[in-house]
Amino acid sequence: MKTNSALHHSALKTRNVKACALFYAQVLGLVEIKRNHQKDGRLRSVWFDLNGVILMIEEGKTGWHLAALSMNKKDRKGWRTKLTAAGVKIDSETEHTLYFTDPEGNRLALSHYPD
């Protein structure tokens, strides 16, 4: 059996689900689609829709190497302004990509490669 080569979901482990979820919703503008709670009522995960791919922010030990989200080339300056205004430091960049971290130190990027 073969997959259809489409990414289904990506999971990010974090110590503070609520803080990370706020970052992804408020700073990056992602649309929340689901919240999951522990039996004791604590927030366990928040899921976001990435145009049909699910990003799962889940409680646990932190980590992933990098998640790159798409941006339009014409929006690059606007994203730089929005990230900076939100207190997000752009760590590095290339001709096509801005690199930064979320509140937990997970590496992210916004990319318009190829234009």
Foldseek 3Di string as FASTA:
>chain_A
DDDPPDAAEAEWEDQDQVQQVCCCCPLVVFAWDDWDADPVGHTAWIWTDQPRHIYIYGYDDGDDAEDEHEDAPVCPVVSVVSCVVVVWDFPDDDPFKTWTAGPRRHIYIYGHPPD
